[in-house]
Amino acid sequence: MPTILAIETSAELASCALLVNDAVIFRATAGVRSHSQSILPMVQELLREAGIALADCDAIAFGAGPGSFTGVRTACGVAQGLAYGANLPVLPMVTLAAMAESCRARCGATEVLTVLDARMGEVYWAQYRFDGAWREVVAPTLSAPQAVAPQAVAGLQACGNGFEAYADAFAGQAFAAGAMADIVPHAREMAPLAVGALAAGQGVPAAQAQPIYLRNKIAFTTAERLVINAAKAAA
């Protein structure tokens, strides 16, 4: 089993996880404004707890999106900086797929609709099926909550904070019944998913790692560049 560090900051929860010796250890903290300050100390805590150096990892995974612009850029920049310093491949991971894995871990669902609050009156959503690995039924999409239209399948379980943010819009929708609105992307589920991505050859050099934007791309801010440089120095 490879050793993988995962970083996720695309929503209100910042998390990092380390898959090492076939077990996952993780840290998490809430508060979008603190993501850029909290993620590197959490990474350092995990490495100390595991008793390994960053260079002992096989890859660094990050939540590439969709998600908040600042959040996905933070995760991408930190992953790039750490990977560059340690000469490791980077694995861009889809945040909505990590949510589907969280849903399966909680209730065993194999047909999952994930809906993440995209702000501005919109949501990011996708539909997945698990048959030993996750498959896209509907690819990640940006739309108004009223336009979410999953394929009708038996046992479809919905999850994501979009159901809480736009409760009125989803009221009366059959697929929204019993939605697990507290599920957001988490590195705890992203790290195991990254094992398959690494085996499939999806790792890229640090310089080639890119966020997944479903809205127009925005350049890195000065503050975000400082985070990238700090990650390089830490590595």
C-alpha atoms as a PDB file:
ATOM      1  CA  MET A   1       0.000   0.000   0.000  1.00  0.00           C
ATOM      2  CA  PRO A   2       1.498   3.367  -0.982  1.00  0.00           C
ATOM      3  CA  THR A   3       1.920   6.210   1.490  1.00  0.00           C
ATOM      4  CA  ILE A   4      -0.179   9.181   0.417  1.00  0.00           C
ATOM      5  CA  LEU A   5      -0.679  12.639   1.874  1.00  0.00           C
ATOM      6  CA  ALA A   6      -4.047  14.221   1.001  1.00  0.00           C
ATOM      7  CA  ILE A   7      -5.004  17.897   1.332  1.00  0.00           C
ATOM      8  CA  GLU A   8      -8.562  19.226   1.074  1.00  0.00           C
ATOM      9  CA  THR A   9      -9.673  22.867   1.474  1.00  0.00           C
ATOM     10  CA  SER A  10     -12.458  23.283  -1.102  1.00  0.00           C
ATOM     11  CA  ALA A  11     -15.282  23.964   1.380  1.00  0.00           C
ATOM     12  CA  GLU A  12     -15.729  25.246   4.934  1.00  0.00           C
ATOM     13  CA  LEU A  13     -13.724  22.353   6.376  1.00  0.00           C
ATOM     14  CA  ALA A  14      -9.953  22.182   5.887  1.00  0.00           C
ATOM     15  CA  SER A  15      -8.539  18.697   6.291  1.00  0.00           C
ATOM     16  CA  CYS A  16      -5.448  16.671   5.600  1.00  0.00           C
ATOM     17  CA  ALA A  17      -4.919  12.939   5.872  1.00  0.00           C
ATOM     18  CA  LEU A  18      -2.037  10.535   5.698  1.00  0.00           C
ATOM     19  CA  LEU A  19      -2.490   7.002   4.421  1.00  0.00           C
ATOM     20  CA  VAL A  20       0.407   5.062   5.911  1.00  0.00           C
ATOM     21  CA  ASN A  21       0.804   1.375   6.757  1.00  0.00           C
ATOM     22  CA  ASP A  22      -2.721   0.718   5.446  1.00  0.00           C
ATOM     23  CA  ALA A  23      -4.288   3.133   7.967  1.00  0.00           C
ATOM     24  CA  VAL A  24      -5.524   6.717   7.663  1.00  0.00           C
ATOM     25  CA  ILE A  25      -4.767   9.416  10.212  1.00  0.00           C
ATOM     26  CA  PHE A  26      -6.144  12.909   9.715  1.00  0.00           C
ATOM     27  CA  ARG A  27      -6.621  16.427  11.011  1.00  0.00           C
ATOM     28  CA  ALA A  28      -9.427  18.891  10.278  1.00  0.00           C
ATOM     29  CA  THR A  29     -10.410  22.421  11.182  1.00  0.00           C
ATOM     30  CA  ALA A  30     -13.360  24.621  10.250  1.00  0.00           C
ATOM     31  CA  GLY A  31     -13.267  28.209   9.022  1.00  0.00           C
ATOM     32  CA  VAL A  32     -12.597  29.086   5.376  1.00  0.00           C
ATOM     33  CA  ARG A  33     -10.583  32.204   6.239  1.00  0.00           C
ATOM     34  CA  SER A  34      -8.053  30.153   8.199  1.00  0.00           C
ATOM     35  CA  HIS A  35      -7.414  27.422   5.610  1.00  0.00           C
ATOM     36  CA  SER A  36      -4.168  28.890   4.302  1.00  0.00           C
ATOM     37  CA  GLN A  37      -2.804  29.273   7.844  1.00  0.00           C
ATOM     38  CA  SER A  38      -3.939  25.909   9.220  1.00  0.00           C
ATOM     39  CA  ILE A  39      -3.130  23.378   6.528  1.00  0.00           C
ATOM     40  CA  LEU A  40       0.683  23.298   6.767  1.00  0.00           C
ATOM     41  CA  PRO A  41       0.776  22.892  10.574  1.00  0.00           C
ATOM     42  CA  MET A  42      -1.726  20.018  10.258  1.00  0.00           C
ATOM     43  CA  VAL A  43       0.454  18.336   7.619  1.00  0.00           C
ATOM     44  CA  GLN A  44       3.471  18.655   9.884  1.00  0.00           C
ATOM     45  CA  GLU A  45       1.508  17.148  12.798  1.00  0.00           C
ATOM     46  CA  LEU A  46       0.534  14.131  10.712  1.00  0.00           C
ATOM     47  CA  LEU A  47       4.079  13.485   9.554  1.00  0.00           C
ATOM     48  CA  ARG A  48       5.358  13.706  13.137  1.00  0.00           C
ATOM     49  CA  GLU A  49       2.625  11.361  14.353  1.00  0.00           C
ATOM     50  CA  ALA A  50       3.484   8.820  11.663  1.00  0.00           C
ATOM     51  CA  GLY A  51       7.207   9.237  12.273  1.00  0.00           C
ATOM     52  CA  ILE A  52       7.994   9.789   8.617  1.00  0.00           C
ATOM     53  CA  ALA A  53       9.357  12.566   6.416  1.00  0.00           C
ATOM     54  CA  LEU A  54       7.462  14.068   3.512  1.00  0.00           C
ATOM     55  CA  ALA A  55       9.916  12.427   1.125  1.00  0.00           C
ATOM     56  CA  ASP A  56       8.785   9.023   2.426  1.00  0.00           C
ATOM     57  CA  CYS A  57       5.376   9.561   0.807  1.00  0.00           C
ATOM     58  CA  ASP A  58       4.664   8.168  -2.645  1.00  0.00           C
ATOM     59  CA  ALA A  59       2.375  11.006  -3.758  1.00  0.00           C
ATOM     60  CA  ILE A  60       0.454  14.072  -2.611  1.00  0.00           C
ATOM     61  CA  ALA A  61      -3.259  14.221  -3.402  1.00  0.00           C
ATOM     62  CA  PHE A  62      -5.357  17.358  -3.216  1.00  0.00           C
ATOM     63  CA  GLY A  63      -8.981  18.327  -3.615  1.00  0.00           C
ATOM     64  CA  ALA A  64      -8.830  19.895  -7.070  1.00  0.00           C
ATOM     65  CA  GLY A  65     -12.471  20.911  -7.088  1.00  0.00           C
ATOM     66  CA  PRO A  66     -15.025  21.837  -7.808  1.00  0.00           C
ATOM     67  CA  GLY A  67     -15.269  24.067  -4.760  1.00  0.00           C
ATOM     68  CA  SER A  68     -14.502  27.581  -3.609  1.00  0.00           C
ATOM     69  CA  PHE A  69     -11.969  29.412  -5.785  1.00  0.00           C
ATOM     70  CA  THR A  70      -9.772  30.272  -2.830  1.00  0.00           C
ATOM     71  CA  GLY A  71     -10.086  26.792  -1.351  1.00  0.00           C
ATOM     72  CA  VAL A  72      -9.107  24.791  -4.426  1.00  0.00           C
ATOM     73  CA  ARG A  73      -6.248  27.181  -5.188  1.00  0.00           C
ATOM     74  CA  THR A  74      -4.975  26.845  -1.625  1.00  0.00           C
ATOM     75  CA  ALA A  75      -4.981  23.040  -1.791  1.00  0.00           C
ATOM     76  CA  CYS A  76      -3.377  23.054  -5.229  1.00  0.00           C
ATOM     77  CA  GLY A  77      -0.710  25.551  -4.217  1.00  0.00           C
ATOM     78  CA  VAL A  78       0.203  23.717  -1.016  1.00  0.00           C
ATOM     79  CA  ALA A  79       0.321  20.368  -2.815  1.00  0.00           C
ATOM     80  CA  GLN A  80       2.503  21.857  -5.548  1.00  0.00           C
ATOM     81  CA  GLY A  81       4.885  23.433  -3.069  1.00  0.00           C
ATOM     82  CA  LEU A  82       5.261  20.293  -0.969  1.00  0.00           C
ATOM     83  CA  ALA A  83       5.571  18.012  -3.996  1.00  0.00           C
ATOM     84  CA  TYR A  84       8.117  20.266  -5.652  1.00  0.00           C
ATOM     85  CA  GLY A  85      10.350  20.272  -2.593  1.00  0.00           C
ATOM     86  CA  ALA A  86      10.081  16.506  -2.055  1.00  0.00           C
ATOM     87  CA  ASN A  87      10.108  15.532  -5.755  1.00  0.00           C
ATOM     88  CA  LEU A  88       6.765  13.726  -5.516  1.00  0.00           C
ATOM     89  CA  PRO A  89       3.912  13.303  -8.011  1.00  0.00           C
ATOM     90  CA  VAL A  90       0.666  15.189  -7.410  1.00  0.00           C
ATOM     91  CA  LEU A  91      -2.797  13.622  -7.683  1.00  0.00           C
ATOM     92  CA  PRO A  92      -5.646  16.079  -8.455  1.00  0.00           C
ATOM     93  CA  MET A  93      -8.801  14.535  -6.955  1.00  0.00           C
ATOM     94  CA  VAL A  94     -12.453  15.390  -7.607  1.00  0.00           C
ATOM     95  CA  THR A  95     -14.049  16.725  -4.436  1.00  0.00           C
ATOM     96  CA  LEU A  96     -17.513  15.420  -5.276  1.00  0.00           C
ATOM     97  CA  ALA A  97     -16.175  11.865  -5.610  1.00  0.00           C
ATOM     98  CA  ALA A  98     -14.656  12.154  -2.133  1.00  0.00           C
ATOM     99  CA  MET A  99     -18.102  13.159  -0.864  1.00  0.00           C
ATOM    100  CA  ALA A 100     -19.582  10.053  -2.481  1.00  0.00           C
ATOM    101  CA  GLU A 101     -17.009   7.920  -0.659  1.00  0.00           C
ATOM    102  CA  SER A 102     -17.904   9.648   2.628  1.00  0.00           C
ATOM    103  CA  CYS A 103     -21.540   8.807   1.994  1.00  0.00           C
ATOM    104  CA  ARG A 104     -20.731   5.155   1.254  1.00  0.00           C
ATOM    105  CA  ALA A 105     -18.556   4.928   4.368  1.00  0.00           C
ATOM    106  CA  ARG A 106     -21.410   6.211   6.508  1.00  0.00           C
ATOM    107  CA  CYS A 107     -24.382   4.283   5.161  1.00  0.00           C
ATOM    108  CA  GLY A 108     -23.123   1.806   2.560  1.00  0.00           C
ATOM    109  CA  ALA A 109     -24.756   3.618  -0.372  1.00  0.00           C
ATOM    110  CA  THR A 110     -23.540   2.630  -3.834  1.00  0.00           C
ATOM    111  CA  GLU A 111     -25.724   5.079  -5.793  1.00  0.00           C
ATOM    112  CA  VAL A 112     -24.887   8.607  -4.635  1.00  0.00           C
ATOM    113  CA  LEU A 113     -25.847  12.152  -5.593  1.00  0.00           C
ATOM    114  CA  THR A 114     -23.408  14.752  -4.250  1.00  0.00           C
ATOM    115  CA  VAL A 115     -24.435  18.424  -4.042  1.00  0.00           C
ATOM    116  CA  LEU A 116     -21.970  21.061  -2.829  1.00  0.00           C
ATOM    117  CA  ASP A 117     -22.864  24.696  -2.169  1.00  0.00           C
ATOM    118  CA  ALA A 118     -21.212  26.812  -4.884  1.00  0.00           C
ATOM    119  CA  ARG A 119     -22.481  30.140  -3.489  1.00  0.00           C
ATOM    120  CA  MET A 120     -24.032  32.780  -5.762  1.00  0.00           C
ATOM    121  CA  GLY A 121     -27.285  30.798  -5.844  1.00  0.00           C
ATOM    122  CA  GLU A 122     -25.691  27.739  -7.458  1.00  0.00           C
ATOM    123  CA  VAL A 123     -24.466  24.247  -6.591  1.00  0.00           C
ATOM    124  CA  TYR A 124     -21.833  21.839  -7.835  1.00  0.00           C
ATOM    125  CA  TRP A 125     -23.282  18.373  -8.238  1.00  0.00           C
ATOM    126  CA  ALA A 126     -22.533  14.956  -9.663  1.00  0.00           C
ATOM    127  CA  GLN A 127     -23.904  11.431  -9.535  1.00  0.00           C
ATOM    128  CA  TYR A 128     -21.798   8.333  -8.859  1.00  0.00           C
ATOM    129  CA  ARG A 129     -22.155   4.559  -8.803  1.00  0.00           C
ATOM    130  CA  PHE A 130     -19.881   2.220  -6.855  1.00  0.00           C
ATOM    131  CA  ASP A 131     -19.187  -1.217  -8.320  1.00  0.00           C
ATOM    132  CA  GLY A 132     -15.818  -1.896  -6.753  1.00  0.00           C
ATOM    133  CA  ALA A 133     -14.702   1.579  -7.851  1.00  0.00           C
ATOM    134  CA  TRP A 134     -16.556   4.845  -8.312  1.00  0.00           C
ATOM    135  CA  ARG A 135     -17.992   5.576 -11.761  1.00  0.00           C
ATOM    136  CA  GLU A 136     -19.462   8.861 -12.954  1.00  0.00           C
ATOM    137  CA  VAL A 137     -23.140   8.632 -13.839  1.00  0.00           C
ATOM    138  CA  VAL A 138     -23.440  12.409 -14.223  1.00  0.00           C
ATOM    139  CA  ALA A 139     -20.196  14.381 -14.467  1.00  0.00           C
ATOM    140  CA  PRO A 140     -19.559  17.345 -12.131  1.00  0.00           C
ATOM    141  CA  THR A 141     -21.892  20.172 -13.089  1.00  0.00           C
ATOM    142  CA  LEU A 142     -22.550  23.758 -11.994  1.00  0.00           C
ATOM    143  CA  SER A 143     -26.203  24.764 -11.974  1.00  0.00           C
ATOM    144  CA  ALA A 144     -29.003  26.385 -10.041  1.00  0.00           C
ATOM    145  CA  PRO A 145     -30.359  24.085  -7.316  1.00  0.00           C
ATOM    146  CA  GLN A 146     -33.640  23.797  -9.223  1.00  0.00           C
ATOM    147  CA  ALA A 147     -31.742  22.372 -12.221  1.00  0.00           C
ATOM    148  CA  VAL A 148     -30.205  19.411 -10.363  1.00  0.00           C
ATOM    149  CA  ALA A 149     -31.570  16.392 -12.245  1.00  0.00           C
ATOM    150  CA  PRO A 150     -30.002  13.062 -11.289  1.00  0.00           C
ATOM    151  CA  GLN A 151     -30.770   9.894 -13.183  1.00  0.00           C
ATOM    152  CA  ALA A 152     -33.495   7.929 -11.456  1.00  0.00           C
ATOM    153  CA  VAL A 153     -32.027   4.782  -9.900  1.00  0.00           C
ATOM    154  CA  ALA A 154     -33.071   2.589  -7.009  1.00  0.00           C
ATOM    155  CA  GLY A 155     -31.498   3.409  -3.679  1.00  0.00           C
ATOM    156  CA  LEU A 156     -30.099   6.803  -4.677  1.00  0.00           C
ATOM    157  CA  GLN A 157     -28.663   8.513  -1.587  1.00  0.00           C
ATOM    158  CA  ALA A 158     -28.149  12.274  -1.688  1.00  0.00           C
ATOM    159  CA  CYS A 159     -25.555  14.144   0.337  1.00  0.00           C
ATOM    160  CA  GLY A 160     -23.846  17.493   0.608  1.00  0.00           C
ATOM    161  CA  ASN A 161     -24.224  20.925   2.141  1.00  0.00           C
ATOM    162  CA  GLY A 162     -26.093  22.179  -0.917  1.00  0.00           C
ATOM    163  CA  PHE A 163     -29.219  20.591   0.535  1.00  0.00           C
ATOM    164  CA  GLU A 164     -28.910  22.746   3.637  1.00  0.00           C
ATOM    165  CA  ALA A 165     -27.921  25.928   1.811  1.00  0.00           C
ATOM    166  CA  TYR A 166     -30.862  25.690  -0.617  1.00  0.00           C
ATOM    167  CA  ALA A 167     -33.388  23.727   1.391  1.00  0.00           C
ATOM    168  CA  ASP A 168     -36.359  25.563  -0.145  1.00  0.00           C
ATOM    169  CA  ALA A 169     -35.220  24.799  -3.690  1.00  0.00           C
ATOM    170  CA  PHE A 170     -34.947  21.068  -2.940  1.00  0.00           C
ATOM    171  CA  ALA A 171     -38.160  20.834  -0.942  1.00  0.00           C
ATOM    172  CA  GLY A 172     -40.476  18.230  -2.447  1.00  0.00           C
ATOM    173  CA  GLN A 173     -37.786  16.603  -4.616  1.00  0.00           C
ATOM    174  CA  ALA A 174     -37.865  12.847  -4.120  1.00  0.00           C
ATOM    175  CA  PHE A 175     -34.101  12.512  -4.445  1.00  0.00           C
ATOM    176  CA  ALA A 176     -33.583  15.035  -1.619  1.00  0.00           C
ATOM    177  CA  ALA A 177     -35.496  12.966   0.940  1.00  0.00           C
ATOM    178  CA  GLY A 178     -33.070  11.841   3.627  1.00  0.00           C
ATOM    179  CA  ALA A 179     -30.172  13.811   2.189  1.00  0.00           C
ATOM    180  CA  MET A 180     -27.067  13.829   4.410  1.00  0.00           C
ATOM    181  CA  ALA A 181     -26.515  17.568   4.368  1.00  0.00           C
ATOM    182  CA  ASP A 182     -23.519  17.546   6.712  1.00  0.00           C
ATOM    183  CA  ILE A 183     -21.215  15.737   4.261  1.00  0.00           C
ATOM    184  CA  VAL A 184     -18.523  17.912   2.669  1.00  0.00           C
ATOM    185  CA  PRO A 185     -15.244  16.948   0.971  1.00  0.00           C
ATOM    186  CA  HIS A 186     -12.732  15.468   3.433  1.00  0.00           C
ATOM    187  CA  ALA A 187      -9.141  14.310   3.014  1.00  0.00           C
ATOM    188  CA  ARG A 188      -9.943  11.223   5.118  1.00  0.00           C
ATOM    189  CA  GLU A 189     -11.807   9.701   2.166  1.00  0.00           C
ATOM    190  CA  MET A 190      -9.638  11.341  -0.474  1.00  0.00           C
ATOM    191  CA  ALA A 191      -6.450   9.559   0.608  1.00  0.00           C
ATOM    192  CA  PRO A 192      -7.748   5.999  -0.025  1.00  0.00           C
ATOM    193  CA  LEU A 193      -9.309   7.097  -3.324  1.00  0.00           C
ATOM    194  CA  ALA A 194      -5.921   8.430  -4.364  1.00  0.00           C
ATOM    195  CA  VAL A 195      -4.457   4.918  -4.236  1.00  0.00           C
ATOM    196  CA  GLY A 196      -6.458   3.958  -7.323  1.00  0.00           C
ATOM    197  CA  ALA A 197      -5.567   7.240  -9.025  1.00  0.00           C
ATOM    198  CA  LEU A 198      -1.870   6.628  -8.423  1.00  0.00           C
ATOM    199  CA  ALA A 199      -2.115   3.047  -9.712  1.00  0.00           C
ATOM    200  CA  ALA A 200      -3.917   4.345 -12.814  1.00  0.00           C
ATOM    201  CA  GLY A 201      -1.013   6.646 -13.605  1.00  0.00           C
ATOM    202  CA  GLN A 202      -2.881   9.858 -12.854  1.00  0.00           C
ATOM    203  CA  GLY A 203      -0.020  11.441 -10.946  1.00  0.00           C
ATOM    204  CA  VAL A 204       1.424  14.589 -12.528  1.00  0.00           C
ATOM    205  CA  PRO A 205       4.534  16.689 -11.863  1.00  0.00           C
ATOM    206  CA  ALA A 206       3.962  19.511  -9.390  1.00  0.00           C
ATOM    207  CA  ALA A 207       4.071  22.193 -12.076  1.00  0.00           C
ATOM    208  CA  GLN A 208       1.276  20.512 -14.036  1.00  0.00           C
ATOM    209  CA  ALA A 209      -1.236  20.232 -11.178  1.00  0.00           C
ATOM    210  CA  GLN A 210      -4.335  22.339 -11.811  1.00  0.00           C
ATOM    211  CA  PRO A 211      -7.603  22.999  -9.961  1.00  0.00           C
ATOM    212  CA  ILE A 212     -10.898  21.927 -11.518  1.00  0.00           C
ATOM    213  CA  TYR A 213     -12.924  25.052 -12.246  1.00  0.00           C
ATOM    214  CA  LEU A 214     -16.524  24.962 -13.379  1.00  0.00           C
ATOM    215  CA  ARG A 215     -16.593  28.762 -13.271  1.00  0.00           C
ATOM    216  CA  ASN A 216     -14.084  31.054 -14.915  1.00  0.00           C
ATOM    217  CA  LYS A 217     -10.536  30.681 -13.642  1.00  0.00           C
ATOM    218  CA  ILE A 218      -9.075  33.416 -11.441  1.00  0.00           C
ATOM    219  CA  ALA A 219      -5.344  34.012 -10.988  1.00  0.00           C
ATOM    220  CA  PHE A 220      -3.550  33.252  -7.734  1.00  0.00           C
ATOM    221  CA  THR A 221      -3.710  36.161  -5.271  1.00  0.00           C
ATOM    222  CA  THR A 222      -0.628  37.516  -3.530  1.00  0.00           C
ATOM    223  CA  ALA A 223      -1.681  35.789  -0.287  1.00  0.00           C
ATOM    224  CA  GLU A 224      -2.092  32.466  -2.074  1.00  0.00           C
ATOM    225  CA  ARG A 225       1.354  32.802  -3.660  1.00  0.00           C
ATOM    226  CA  LEU A 226       2.770  33.299  -0.165  1.00  0.00           C
ATOM    227  CA  VAL A 227       1.168  30.007   0.889  1.00  0.00           C
ATOM    228  CA  ILE A 228       2.723  28.236  -2.108  1.00  0.00           C
ATOM    229  CA  ASN A 229       6.156  29.636  -1.256  1.00  0.00           C
ATOM    230  CA  ALA A 230       5.751  28.626   2.394  1.00  0.00           C
ATOM    231  CA  ALA A 231       4.880  25.081   1.320  1.00  0.00           C
ATOM    232  CA  LYS A 232       8.003  24.931  -0.851  1.00  0.00           C
ATOM    233  CA  ALA A 233      10.122  26.134   2.056  1.00  0.00           C
ATOM    234  CA  ALA A 234       8.521  23.609   4.437  1.00  0.00           C
ATOM    235  CA  ALA A 235       9.279  20.770   2.029  1.00  0.00           C
END
